C-alpha atoms as a PDB file:
ATOM      1  CA  MET A   1      95.707 113.886 104.840  1.00  0.00           C
ATOM      2  CA  MET A   2      95.601 110.315 103.577  1.00  0.00           C
ATOM      3  CA  LYS A   3      93.594 107.216 104.363  1.00  0.00           C
ATOM      4  CA  THR A   4      95.499 104.008 104.960  1.00  0.00           C
ATOM      5  CA  ARG A   5      94.458 100.385 104.878  1.00  0.00           C
ATOM      6  CA  ASP A   6      95.875  97.004 105.724  1.00  0.00           C
ATOM      7  CA  HIS A   7      96.954  94.480 103.076  1.00  0.00           C
ATOM      8  CA  ALA A   8      93.443  93.063 102.827  1.00  0.00           C
ATOM      9  CA  GLY A   9      92.083  96.531 102.070  1.00  0.00           C
ATOM     10  CA  ARG A  10      90.303  97.145 105.379  1.00  0.00           C
ATOM     11  CA  ASP A  11      89.916 100.782 106.360  1.00  0.00           C
ATOM     12  CA  ARG A  12      92.268 101.898 109.116  1.00  0.00           C
ATOM     13  CA  GLY A  13      91.483 105.615 109.083  1.00  0.00           C
ATOM     14  CA  PHE A  14      93.407 108.711 108.024  1.00  0.00           C
ATOM     15  CA  ILE A  15      97.038 109.651 108.459  1.00  0.00           C
ATOM     16  CA  ILE A  16      98.711 113.019 107.985  1.00  0.00           C
ATOM     17  CA  ARG A  17     102.046 111.666 106.737  1.00  0.00           C
ATOM     18  CA  ARG A  18     104.085 108.501 106.649  1.00  0.00           C
ATOM     19  CA  HIS A  19     106.587 108.064 109.443  1.00  0.00           C
ATOM     20  CA  LYS A  20     110.179 108.063 108.306  1.00  0.00           C
ATOM     21  CA  ALA A  21     113.158 106.761 110.221  1.00  0.00           C
ATOM     22  CA  PRO A  22     115.566 109.713 110.750  1.00  0.00           C
ATOM     23  CA  ARG A  23     118.092 109.832 107.935  1.00  0.00           C
ATOM     24  CA  ALA A  24     120.903 110.581 110.388  1.00  0.00           C
ATOM     25  CA  ALA A  25     120.031 107.481 112.401  1.00  0.00           C
ATOM     26  CA  ILE A  26     120.077 105.326 109.281  1.00  0.00           C
ATOM     27  CA  ALA A  27     123.445 106.759 108.247  1.00  0.00           C
ATOM     28  CA  ALA A  28     124.883 106.143 111.732  1.00  0.00           C
ATOM     29  CA  VAL A  29     123.696 102.553 111.617  1.00  0.00           C
ATOM     30  CA  ALA A  30     125.280 102.044 108.217  1.00  0.00           C
ATOM     31  CA  SER A  31     128.596 103.420 109.436  1.00  0.00           C
ATOM     32  CA  ALA A  32     128.569 101.123 112.457  1.00  0.00           C
ATOM     33  CA  LEU A  33     127.493  98.048 110.541  1.00  0.00           C
ATOM     34  CA  ASP A  34     129.369  98.183 107.290  1.00  0.00           C
ATOM     35  CA  ARG A  35     132.911  97.655 108.533  1.00  0.00           C
ATOM     36  CA  GLY A  36     133.222  94.102 107.396  1.00  0.00           C
ATOM     37  CA  ARG A  37     132.415  92.654 110.815  1.00  0.00           C
ATOM     38  CA  ARG A  38     129.943  89.837 111.276  1.00  0.00           C
ATOM     39  CA  GLY A  39     127.441  89.313 114.056  1.00  0.00           C
ATOM     40  CA  SER A  40     125.970  91.856 116.425  1.00  0.00           C
ATOM     41  CA  HIS A  41     127.460  94.206 118.971  1.00  0.00           C
ATOM     42  CA  PRO A  42     125.660  95.833 121.931  1.00  0.00           C
ATOM     43  CA  LEU A  43     126.356  99.376 120.757  1.00  0.00           C
ATOM     44  CA  ARG A  44     125.334  98.633 117.182  1.00  0.00           C
ATOM     45  CA  ALA A  45     122.155  96.934 118.402  1.00  0.00           C
ATOM     46  CA  ALA A  46     121.359  99.980 120.551  1.00  0.00           C
ATOM     47  CA  ALA A  47     121.808 102.291 117.587  1.00  0.00           C
ATOM     48  CA  LEU A  48     119.414 100.193 115.552  1.00  0.00           C
ATOM     49  CA  THR A  49     116.843 100.133 118.339  1.00  0.00           C
ATOM     50  CA  ALA A  50     116.967 103.927 118.641  1.00  0.00           C
ATOM     51  CA  ALA A  51     115.666 104.287 115.101  1.00  0.00           C
ATOM     52  CA  PHE A  52     112.359 102.756 116.210  1.00  0.00           C
ATOM     53  CA  VAL A  53     111.803 104.645 119.477  1.00  0.00           C
ATOM     54  CA  ALA A  54     110.320 107.991 118.488  1.00  0.00           C
ATOM     55  CA  SER A  55     107.617 106.894 116.094  1.00  0.00           C
ATOM     56  CA  PRO A  56     104.611 109.240 115.859  1.00  0.00           C
ATOM     57  CA  ALA A  57     101.137 107.876 116.431  1.00  0.00           C
ATOM     58  CA  ALA A  58     100.499 107.785 112.678  1.00  0.00           C
ATOM     59  CA  ALA A  59     102.897 104.875 112.293  1.00  0.00           C
ATOM     60  CA  GLN A  60     100.679 102.807 114.593  1.00  0.00           C
ATOM     61  CA  LEU A  61      97.990 102.712 111.896  1.00  0.00           C
ATOM     62  CA  ASP A  62     100.009 100.094 110.051  1.00  0.00           C
ATOM     63  CA  PRO A  63      99.801  96.460 111.234  1.00  0.00           C
ATOM     64  CA  PRO A  64     102.384  96.165 114.052  1.00  0.00           C
ATOM     65  CA  ALA A  65     104.002  93.136 112.396  1.00  0.00           C
ATOM     66  CA  TRP A  66     104.999  95.299 109.428  1.00  0.00           C
ATOM     67  CA  THR A  67     107.631  97.086 111.528  1.00  0.00           C
ATOM     68  CA  ARG A  68     108.336  94.405 114.142  1.00  0.00           C
ATOM     69  CA  PRO A  69     111.985  93.351 113.759  1.00  0.00           C
ATOM     70  CA  THR A  70     112.842  89.677 113.480  1.00  0.00           C
ATOM     71  CA  ALA A  71     116.171  87.892 113.314  1.00  0.00           C
ATOM     72  CA  PRO A  72     117.317  86.711 109.876  1.00  0.00           C
ATOM     73  CA  PHE A  73     116.897  83.067 109.015  1.00  0.00           C
ATOM     74  CA  PRO A  74     118.079  80.898 106.116  1.00  0.00           C
ATOM     75  CA  LEU A  75     115.516  79.531 103.672  1.00  0.00           C
ATOM     76  CA  VAL A  76     116.783  77.473 100.729  1.00  0.00           C
ATOM     77  CA  GLY A  77     120.025  77.583  98.782  1.00  0.00           C
ATOM     78  CA  PRO A  78     121.582  81.064  98.932  1.00  0.00           C
ATOM     79  CA  ILE A  79     118.379  82.774 100.143  1.00  0.00           C
ATOM     80  CA  THR A  80     118.002  84.330 103.613  1.00  0.00           C
ATOM     81  CA  TYR A  81     114.997  86.120 105.103  1.00  0.00           C
ATOM     82  CA  VAL A  82     116.071  89.582 106.322  1.00  0.00           C
ATOM     83  CA  GLY A  83     112.754  91.455 106.512  1.00  0.00           C
ATOM     84  CA  SER A  84     110.437  92.339 109.380  1.00  0.00           C
ATOM     85  CA  GLU A  85     107.907  89.940 110.834  1.00  0.00           C
ATOM     86  CA  GLY A  86     105.181  91.089 108.456  1.00  0.00           C
ATOM     87  CA  LEU A  87     107.011  92.456 105.399  1.00  0.00           C
ATOM     88  CA  ALA A  88     109.485  90.305 103.523  1.00  0.00           C
ATOM     89  CA  ALA A  89     112.935  91.218 102.290  1.00  0.00           C
ATOM     90  CA  TYR A  90     114.979  88.395 100.800  1.00  0.00           C
ATOM     91  CA  LEU A  91     118.775  88.356 100.554  1.00  0.00           C
ATOM     92  CA  ILE A  92     120.362  86.211  97.834  1.00  0.00           C
ATOM     93  CA  ARG A  93     124.095  85.561  98.012  1.00  0.00           C
ATOM     94  CA  THR A  94     126.127  85.215  94.844  1.00  0.00           C
ATOM     95  CA  ASP A  95     129.826  84.882  94.044  1.00  0.00           C
ATOM     96  CA  ARG A  96     129.848  88.576  93.030  1.00  0.00           C
ATOM     97  CA  GLY A  97     127.940  90.104  95.925  1.00  0.00           C
ATOM     98  CA  ALA A  98     124.313  89.945  96.991  1.00  0.00           C
ATOM     99  CA  ILE A  99     120.832  90.709  95.695  1.00  0.00           C
ATOM    100  CA  LEU A 100     118.064  92.106  97.893  1.00  0.00           C
ATOM    101  CA  ILE A 101     114.402  91.684  96.972  1.00  0.00           C
ATOM    102  CA  ASP A 102     112.358  94.602  98.365  1.00  0.00           C
ATOM    103  CA  ALA A 103     113.346  97.103 101.065  1.00  0.00           C
ATOM    104  CA  THR A 104     109.893  97.339 102.704  1.00  0.00           C
ATOM    105  CA  MET A 105     109.166 100.471 104.768  1.00  0.00           C
ATOM    106  CA  GLU A 106     111.685 103.152 105.666  1.00  0.00           C
ATOM    107  CA  GLU A 107     111.194 102.425 109.352  1.00  0.00           C
ATOM    108  CA  ASN A 108     112.540  98.915 108.702  1.00  0.00           C
ATOM    109  CA  VAL A 109     115.768  99.896 106.963  1.00  0.00           C
ATOM    110  CA  PRO A 110     118.000  99.875 110.091  1.00  0.00           C
ATOM    111  CA  ALA A 111     116.769  96.403 111.091  1.00  0.00           C
ATOM    112  CA  ILE A 112     117.132  95.040 107.550  1.00  0.00           C
ATOM    113  CA  ALA A 113     120.665  96.453 107.420  1.00  0.00           C
ATOM    114  CA  ARG A 114     121.454  94.709 110.696  1.00  0.00           C
ATOM    115  CA  ASN A 115     120.044  91.442 109.354  1.00  0.00           C
ATOM    116  CA  ILE A 116     122.083  91.688 106.163  1.00  0.00           C
ATOM    117  CA  VAL A 117     125.319  92.126 108.117  1.00  0.00           C
ATOM    118  CA  ALA A 118     124.349  89.429 110.615  1.00  0.00           C
ATOM    119  CA  SER A 119     123.940  87.122 107.627  1.00  0.00           C
ATOM    120  CA  GLY A 120     127.578  87.669 106.707  1.00  0.00           C
ATOM    121  CA  VAL A 121     127.111  90.219 103.900  1.00  0.00           C
ATOM    122  CA  ARG A 122     128.562  93.724 104.014  1.00  0.00           C
ATOM    123  CA  LEU A 123     126.129  96.461 103.017  1.00  0.00           C
ATOM    124  CA  ARG A 124     128.393  97.625 100.208  1.00  0.00           C
ATOM    125  CA  ASP A 125     128.303  94.090  98.790  1.00  0.00           C
ATOM    126  CA  VAL A 126     124.572  94.356  98.082  1.00  0.00           C
ATOM    127  CA  LYS A 127     124.785  95.121  94.367  1.00  0.00           C
ATOM    128  CA  LEU A 128     121.150  94.883  93.226  1.00  0.00           C
ATOM    129  CA  ILE A 129     117.783  95.643  94.813  1.00  0.00           C
ATOM    130  CA  LEU A 130     114.898  94.005  92.959  1.00  0.00           C
ATOM    131  CA  VAL A 131     111.424  95.483  93.365  1.00  0.00           C
ATOM    132  CA  SER A 132     108.165  93.555  93.525  1.00  0.00           C
ATOM    133  CA  HIS A 133     105.811  96.535  93.069  1.00  0.00           C
ATOM    134  CA  ALA A 134     105.478 100.248  93.779  1.00  0.00           C
ATOM    135  CA  HIS A 135     103.421 100.365  96.980  1.00  0.00           C
ATOM    136  CA  PHE A 136     104.731 102.077 100.116  1.00  0.00           C
ATOM    137  CA  ASP A 137     104.868  98.955 102.272  1.00  0.00           C
ATOM    138  CA  HIS A 138     107.377  97.388  99.874  1.00  0.00           C
ATOM    139  CA  VAL A 139     109.334 100.384  98.542  1.00  0.00           C
ATOM    140  CA  ALA A 140     109.221 103.254 101.075  1.00  0.00           C
ATOM    141  CA  GLY A 141     112.614 102.086 102.333  1.00  0.00           C
ATOM    142  CA  LEU A 142     114.078 101.712  98.863  1.00  0.00           C
ATOM    143  CA  ALA A 143     115.735 105.140  98.596  1.00  0.00           C
ATOM    144  CA  ALA A 144     117.340 104.783 102.046  1.00  0.00           C
ATOM    145  CA  MET A 145     118.552 101.264 101.299  1.00  0.00           C
ATOM    146  CA  LYS A 146     119.995 102.408  97.994  1.00  0.00           C
ATOM    147  CA  ARG A 147     121.915 105.154  99.826  1.00  0.00           C
ATOM    148  CA  LEU A 148     123.272 102.655 102.347  1.00  0.00           C
ATOM    149  CA  THR A 149     124.394 100.070  99.810  1.00  0.00           C
ATOM    150  CA  GLY A 150     124.965 101.910  96.549  1.00  0.00           C
ATOM    151  CA  ALA A 151     122.990  99.113  94.875  1.00  0.00           C
ATOM    152  CA  THR A 152     121.257  99.400  91.503  1.00  0.00           C
ATOM    153  CA  VAL A 153     117.456  99.360  91.698  1.00  0.00           C
ATOM    154  CA  VAL A 154     115.747  96.993  89.250  1.00  0.00           C
ATOM    155  CA  ALA A 155     111.981  97.219  88.748  1.00  0.00           C
ATOM    156  CA  GLY A 156     109.197  96.391  86.327  1.00  0.00           C
ATOM    157  CA  ALA A 157     109.092  98.938  83.507  1.00  0.00           C
ATOM    158  CA  ARG A 158     105.450  99.887  84.129  1.00  0.00           C
ATOM    159  CA  ASP A 159     106.210 100.813  87.769  1.00  0.00           C
ATOM    160  CA  ALA A 160     109.417 102.731  87.034  1.00  0.00           C
ATOM    161  CA  GLN A 161     107.761 106.148  86.767  1.00  0.00           C
ATOM    162  CA  ALA A 162     105.911 105.612  90.046  1.00  0.00           C
ATOM    163  CA  LEU A 163     109.197 104.822  91.784  1.00  0.00           C
ATOM    164  CA  ARG A 164     110.901 107.865  90.300  1.00  0.00           C
ATOM    165  CA  THR A 165     108.113 110.185  91.469  1.00  0.00           C
ATOM    166  CA  GLY A 166     107.140 108.501  94.731  1.00  0.00           C
ATOM    167  CA  ILE A 167     103.500 108.402  93.640  1.00  0.00           C
ATOM    168  CA  PRO A 168     101.904 104.931  93.475  1.00  0.00           C
ATOM    169  CA  PRO A 169     100.211 103.973  90.195  1.00  0.00           C
ATOM    170  CA  GLY A 170      96.518 103.373  89.579  1.00  0.00           C
ATOM    171  CA  GLU A 171      93.514 104.355  91.706  1.00  0.00           C
ATOM    172  CA  THR A 172      92.449 102.941  95.062  1.00  0.00           C
ATOM    173  CA  ASN A 173      89.563 103.425  97.447  1.00  0.00           C
ATOM    174  CA  TYR A 174      91.917 104.754 100.151  1.00  0.00           C
ATOM    175  CA  GLY A 175      93.619 107.596  98.279  1.00  0.00           C
ATOM    176  CA  VAL A 176      97.349 108.076  97.714  1.00  0.00           C
ATOM    177  CA  ILE A 177     100.114 107.010 100.083  1.00  0.00           C
ATOM    178  CA  ARG A 178     103.362 108.427  98.778  1.00  0.00           C
ATOM    179  CA  PHE A 179     106.868 107.133  99.381  1.00  0.00           C
ATOM    180  CA  PRO A 180     110.379 108.590  98.896  1.00  0.00           C
ATOM    181  CA  PRO A 181     111.226 108.676  95.179  1.00  0.00           C
ATOM    182  CA  VAL A 182     114.175 106.622  93.998  1.00  0.00           C
ATOM    183  CA  ALA A 183     116.246 106.338  90.834  1.00  0.00           C
ATOM    184  CA  VAL A 184     115.590 103.161  88.864  1.00  0.00           C
ATOM    185  CA  GLY A 185     118.803 101.831  87.376  1.00  0.00           C
ATOM    186  CA  ARG A 186     117.151  99.216  85.210  1.00  0.00           C
ATOM    187  CA  ALA A 187     113.532  98.832  84.113  1.00  0.00           C
ATOM    188  CA  VAL A 188     112.757  95.254  83.078  1.00  0.00           C
ATOM    189  CA  ARG A 189     110.020  93.691  80.985  1.00  0.00           C
ATOM    190  CA  ASP A 190     108.564  90.215  80.947  1.00  0.00           C
ATOM    191  CA  GLY A 191     111.109  87.457  80.427  1.00  0.00           C
ATOM    192  CA  GLU A 192     114.220  89.558  80.955  1.00  0.00           C
ATOM    193  CA  ARG A 193     116.912  88.104  83.174  1.00  0.00           C
ATOM    194  CA  VAL A 194     118.842  89.825  85.929  1.00  0.00           C
ATOM    195  CA  ARG A 195     122.250  88.289  86.625  1.00  0.00           C
ATOM    196  CA  LEU A 196     124.849  88.713  89.309  1.00  0.00           C
ATOM    197  CA  GLY A 197     127.751  86.301  89.228  1.00  0.00           C
ATOM    198  CA  ARG A 198     126.379  82.819  88.640  1.00  0.00           C
ATOM    199  CA  VAL A 199     122.888  83.672  89.910  1.00  0.00           C
ATOM    200  CA  SER A 200     120.094  84.524  87.483  1.00  0.00           C
ATOM    201  CA  LEU A 201     116.514  85.641  88.160  1.00  0.00           C
ATOM    202  CA  ARG A 202     113.791  85.893  85.534  1.00  0.00           C
ATOM    203  CA  ALA A 203     111.279  88.738  85.560  1.00  0.00           C
ATOM    204  CA  VAL A 204     107.715  87.469  85.146  1.00  0.00           C
ATOM    205  CA  ALA A 205     105.296  90.324  84.475  1.00  0.00           C
ATOM    206  CA  THR A 206     102.213  89.868  86.673  1.00  0.00           C
ATOM    207  CA  PRO A 207     100.416  93.232  86.465  1.00  0.00           C
ATOM    208  CA  GLY A 208      97.169  94.031  88.237  1.00  0.00           C
ATOM    209  CA  HIS A 209      98.057  94.898  91.812  1.00  0.00           C
ATOM    210  CA  THR A 210     100.185  97.569  90.109  1.00  0.00           C
ATOM    211  CA  PRO A 211     100.910  97.914  86.370  1.00  0.00           C
ATOM    212  CA  GLY A 212     104.555  96.927  86.870  1.00  0.00           C
ATOM    213  CA  CYS A 213     104.024  94.181  89.444  1.00  0.00           C
ATOM    214  CA  THR A 214     106.895  91.757  88.871  1.00  0.00           C
ATOM    215  CA  THR A 215     107.247  88.176  90.020  1.00  0.00           C
ATOM    216  CA  TRP A 216     110.831  86.969  90.268  1.00  0.00           C
ATOM    217  CA  ALA A 217     111.746  83.341  89.542  1.00  0.00           C
ATOM    218  CA  MET A 218     115.037  81.526  89.996  1.00  0.00           C
ATOM    219  CA  LYS A 219     116.517  78.046  90.290  1.00  0.00           C
ATOM    220  CA  VAL A 220     118.525  77.023  93.326  1.00  0.00           C
ATOM    221  CA  THR A 221     120.169  73.870  94.568  1.00  0.00           C
ATOM    222  CA  ASP A 222     119.446  73.000  98.180  1.00  0.00           C
ATOM    223  CA  ARG A 223     121.165  69.968  99.709  1.00  0.00           C
ATOM    224  CA  GLY A 224     121.786  68.626  96.242  1.00  0.00           C
ATOM    225  CA  ARG A 225     118.163  69.070  95.185  1.00  0.00           C
ATOM    226  CA  PRO A 226     117.255  71.465  92.322  1.00  0.00           C
ATOM    227  CA  LEU A 227     114.322  73.729  93.173  1.00  0.00           C
ATOM    228  CA  ASP A 228     112.238  76.366  91.411  1.00  0.00           C
ATOM    229  CA  VAL A 229     111.853  79.351  93.732  1.00  0.00           C
ATOM    230  CA  VAL A 230     109.233  82.000  93.021  1.00  0.00           C
ATOM    231  CA  PHE A 231     108.880  85.409  94.675  1.00  0.00           C
ATOM    232  CA  PRO A 232     105.310  86.176  93.544  1.00  0.00           C
ATOM    233  CA  CYS A 233     104.073  89.712  93.221  1.00  0.00           C
ATOM    234  CA  SER A 234     100.727  90.231  94.901  1.00  0.00           C
ATOM    235  CA  VAL A 235      97.495  89.517  93.045  1.00  0.00           C
ATOM    236  CA  THR A 236      95.228  90.636  95.890  1.00  0.00           C
ATOM    237  CA  VAL A 237      92.836  93.506  95.183  1.00  0.00           C
ATOM    238  CA  ALA A 238      93.677  95.266  98.481  1.00  0.00           C
ATOM    239  CA  GLY A 239      91.712  98.449  97.784  1.00  0.00           C
ATOM    240  CA  ASN A 240      92.370  98.719  94.045  1.00  0.00           C
ATOM    241  CA  ARG A 241      89.539 100.252  92.057  1.00  0.00           C
ATOM    242  CA  LEU A 242      88.477  97.614  89.541  1.00  0.00           C
ATOM    243  CA  VAL A 243      85.559  99.535  87.990  1.00  0.00           C
ATOM    244  CA  GLY A 244      86.124 102.943  86.431  1.00  0.00           C
ATOM    245  CA  ASN A 245      89.859 103.075  87.112  1.00  0.00           C
ATOM    246  CA  ARG A 246      90.869 105.912  84.772  1.00  0.00           C
ATOM    247  CA  ARG A 247      94.563 105.730  85.577  1.00  0.00           C
ATOM    248  CA  TYR A 248      94.651 101.984  84.971  1.00  0.00           C
ATOM    249  CA  PRO A 249      91.800 101.032  82.600  1.00  0.00           C
ATOM    250  CA  GLY A 250      93.201  97.579  81.855  1.00  0.00           C
ATOM    251  CA  ILE A 251      93.374  96.507  85.486  1.00  0.00           C
ATOM    252  CA  VAL A 252      90.733  93.743  85.326  1.00  0.00           C
ATOM    253  CA  ALA A 253      92.224  92.020  82.283  1.00  0.00           C
ATOM    254  CA  ASP A 254      95.696  92.273  83.807  1.00  0.00           C
ATOM    255  CA  TYR A 255      94.571  90.700  87.071  1.00  0.00           C
ATOM    256  CA  ARG A 256      92.937  87.772  85.284  1.00  0.00           C
ATOM    257  CA  THR A 257      95.980  87.127  83.099  1.00  0.00           C
ATOM    258  CA  SER A 258      98.407  87.373  86.016  1.00  0.00           C
ATOM    259  CA  ILE A 259      96.432  85.079  88.307  1.00  0.00           C
ATOM    260  CA  ALA A 260      96.260  82.444  85.564  1.00  0.00           C
ATOM    261  CA  ARG A 261      99.964  82.858  84.888  1.00  0.00           C
ATOM    262  CA  LEU A 262     100.925  82.372  88.526  1.00  0.00           C
ATOM    263  CA  ALA A 263      98.735  79.277  88.725  1.00  0.00           C
ATOM    264  CA  ALA A 264     100.730  77.715  85.883  1.00  0.00           C
ATOM    265  CA  LEU A 265     104.205  78.824  87.009  1.00  0.00           C
ATOM    266  CA  PRO A 266     106.525  76.036  88.221  1.00  0.00           C
ATOM    267  CA  ALA A 267     107.215  76.667  91.907  1.00  0.00           C
ATOM    268  CA  ASP A 268     108.700  74.356  94.511  1.00  0.00           C
ATOM    269  CA  VAL A 269     109.198  77.175  97.023  1.00  0.00           C
ATOM    270  CA  VAL A 270     106.980  80.278  97.299  1.00  0.00           C
ATOM    271  CA  LEU A 271     108.351  83.416  98.970  1.00  0.00           C
ATOM    272  CA  PRO A 272     105.835  86.313  98.853  1.00  0.00           C
ATOM    273  CA  GLY A 273     106.210  89.932  99.934  1.00  0.00           C
ATOM    274  CA  HIS A 274     103.717  89.405 102.750  1.00  0.00           C
ATOM    275  CA  PRO A 275     105.235  86.292 104.347  1.00  0.00           C
ATOM    276  CA  GLU A 276     102.081  85.183 106.148  1.00  0.00           C
ATOM    277  CA  MET A 277     100.435  84.509 102.790  1.00  0.00           C
ATOM    278  CA  ALA A 278     102.671  81.436 102.435  1.00  0.00           C
ATOM    279  CA  ASP A 279     103.440  81.018 106.160  1.00  0.00           C
ATOM    280  CA  VAL A 280     107.132  81.401 105.332  1.00  0.00           C
ATOM    281  CA  ALA A 281     108.390  81.359 108.930  1.00  0.00           C
ATOM    282  CA  GLY A 282     106.091  78.513 109.944  1.00  0.00           C
ATOM    283  CA  ARG A 283     106.987  76.371 106.958  1.00  0.00           C
ATOM    284  CA  ARG A 284     110.668  76.990 107.519  1.00  0.00           C
ATOM    285  CA  LYS A 285     110.376  75.825 111.142  1.00  0.00           C
ATOM    286  CA  ALA A 286     108.321  72.792 110.116  1.00  0.00           C
ATOM    287  CA  GLY A 287     110.653  71.906 107.248  1.00  0.00           C
ATOM    288  CA  THR A 288     107.852  72.276 104.674  1.00  0.00           C
ATOM    289  CA  LEU A 289     109.124  75.190 102.587  1.00  0.00           C
ATOM    290  CA  VAL A 290     109.191  72.879  99.583  1.00  0.00           C
ATOM    291  CA  ALA A 291     105.506  72.798  98.606  1.00  0.00           C
ATOM    292  CA  PRO A 292     105.025  72.308  94.843  1.00  0.00           C
ATOM    293  CA  GLY A 293     101.252  72.900  94.877  1.00  0.00           C
ATOM    294  CA  LEU A 294     101.236  76.003  97.070  1.00  0.00           C
ATOM    295  CA  LEU A 295     101.481  78.702  94.398  1.00  0.00           C
ATOM    296  CA  ARG A 296      98.577  77.234  92.476  1.00  0.00           C
ATOM    297  CA  GLU A 297      96.488  77.106  95.667  1.00  0.00           C
ATOM    298  CA  MET A 298      97.284  80.749  96.347  1.00  0.00           C
ATOM    299  CA  ALA A 299      96.363  81.699  92.777  1.00  0.00           C
ATOM    300  CA  VAL A 300      93.022  79.860  92.948  1.00  0.00           C
ATOM    301  CA  LYS A 301      92.149  81.652  96.187  1.00  0.00           C
ATOM    302  CA  ALA A 302      93.200  84.980  94.668  1.00  0.00           C
ATOM    303  CA  ARG A 303      90.986  84.316  91.632  1.00  0.00           C
ATOM    304  CA  ASP A 304      87.962  83.581  93.817  1.00  0.00           C
ATOM    305  CA  ASP A 305      88.588  86.654  95.982  1.00  0.00           C
ATOM    306  CA  PHE A 306      89.051  88.778  92.862  1.00  0.00           C
ATOM    307  CA  ASP A 307      85.785  87.576  91.310  1.00  0.00           C
ATOM    308  CA  ARG A 308      83.879  88.402  94.492  1.00  0.00           C
ATOM    309  CA  GLU A 309      85.402  91.856  94.763  1.00  0.00           C
ATOM    310  CA  LEU A 310      84.794  92.628  91.084  1.00  0.00           C
ATOM    311  CA  ALA A 311      81.135  91.618  91.436  1.00  0.00           C
ATOM    312  CA  LYS A 312      80.824  93.784  94.548  1.00  0.00           C
ATOM    313  CA  GLN A 313      82.352  96.842  92.875  1.00  0.00           C
ATOM    314  CA  THR A 314      80.260  96.297  89.721  1.00  0.00           C
ATOM    315  CA  ARG A 315      77.039  96.221  91.787  1.00  0.00           C
ATOM    316  CA  ALA A 316      78.103  99.344  93.687  1.00  0.00           C
ATOM    317  CA  ALA A 317      78.856 101.202  90.441  1.00  0.00           C
ATOM    318  CA  ALA A 318      75.468 100.191  88.965  1.00  0.00           C
ATOM    319  CA  GLU A 319      73.616 101.364  92.080  1.00  0.00           C
ATOM    320  CA  LYS A 320      75.490 104.663  92.043  1.00  0.00           C
ATOM    321  CA  ALA A 321      74.598 105.209  88.378  1.00  0.00           C
ATOM    322  CA  ARG A 322      70.827 104.854  89.025  1.00  0.00           C
END
């Protein structure tokens, strides 16, 4: 039995197990989709919908937006949004195939696969899956997506063991929510570059939320304009134990360093794993995705929230020790 919480760390009760989309359904969807055809088809859409029908009540503990499908939409340059309404997955086209950032939850894999194909990319042409961090809402679908695409998984070195075992790192106030383990093809450290064709992304280590939390940064050209695009890893506390964390004793120092680093990182466009944190869909509709001061604003808010939560946990630990 496990306790689960939303992204802000609010208690949402206990669950017995995580819901998983049936493997056979995912495989059937892949077979129907990955035939080099573009667009949707009524039968393929029905197959995708079926994967969502028989969800047990436990799945309802997660915010509904996390598993609510949404149509793909272009962002800037070669980047397309292919995730659910509440959990981001970003598809980056290159001249040698495509890169996917995050696979979100296993329940979302059929819809993400549909969105990839609807965007004009065959599943087998997804060559790399980049990971933000090893928490179930961002990586529970990773193993299934790897099976569908054959892509190489690339993740921060300090989260690699968590991904291989399916056990999230660190300690939280809501227990352990496991996810399907997955083979990591490449473990990256700060400053390393991941390349596919003419596209290059730089790994920026931003530990704290998890030890291997990795921000990805790249340059794109959109309508003749060069832009710095940043996919920031989360720096929210979201239930992390900041005081007395035996599995991650350096968590406080890591958070402070990472928040300061994000605040200083050049960013014209900010595309986070939880899209509402930068209002990705809203900004895209309003034509305001280019927002050079946004990442710094997000980092300042995260710093203030972190300081409050650290003070709260420090007071609680002192009271408990009396």
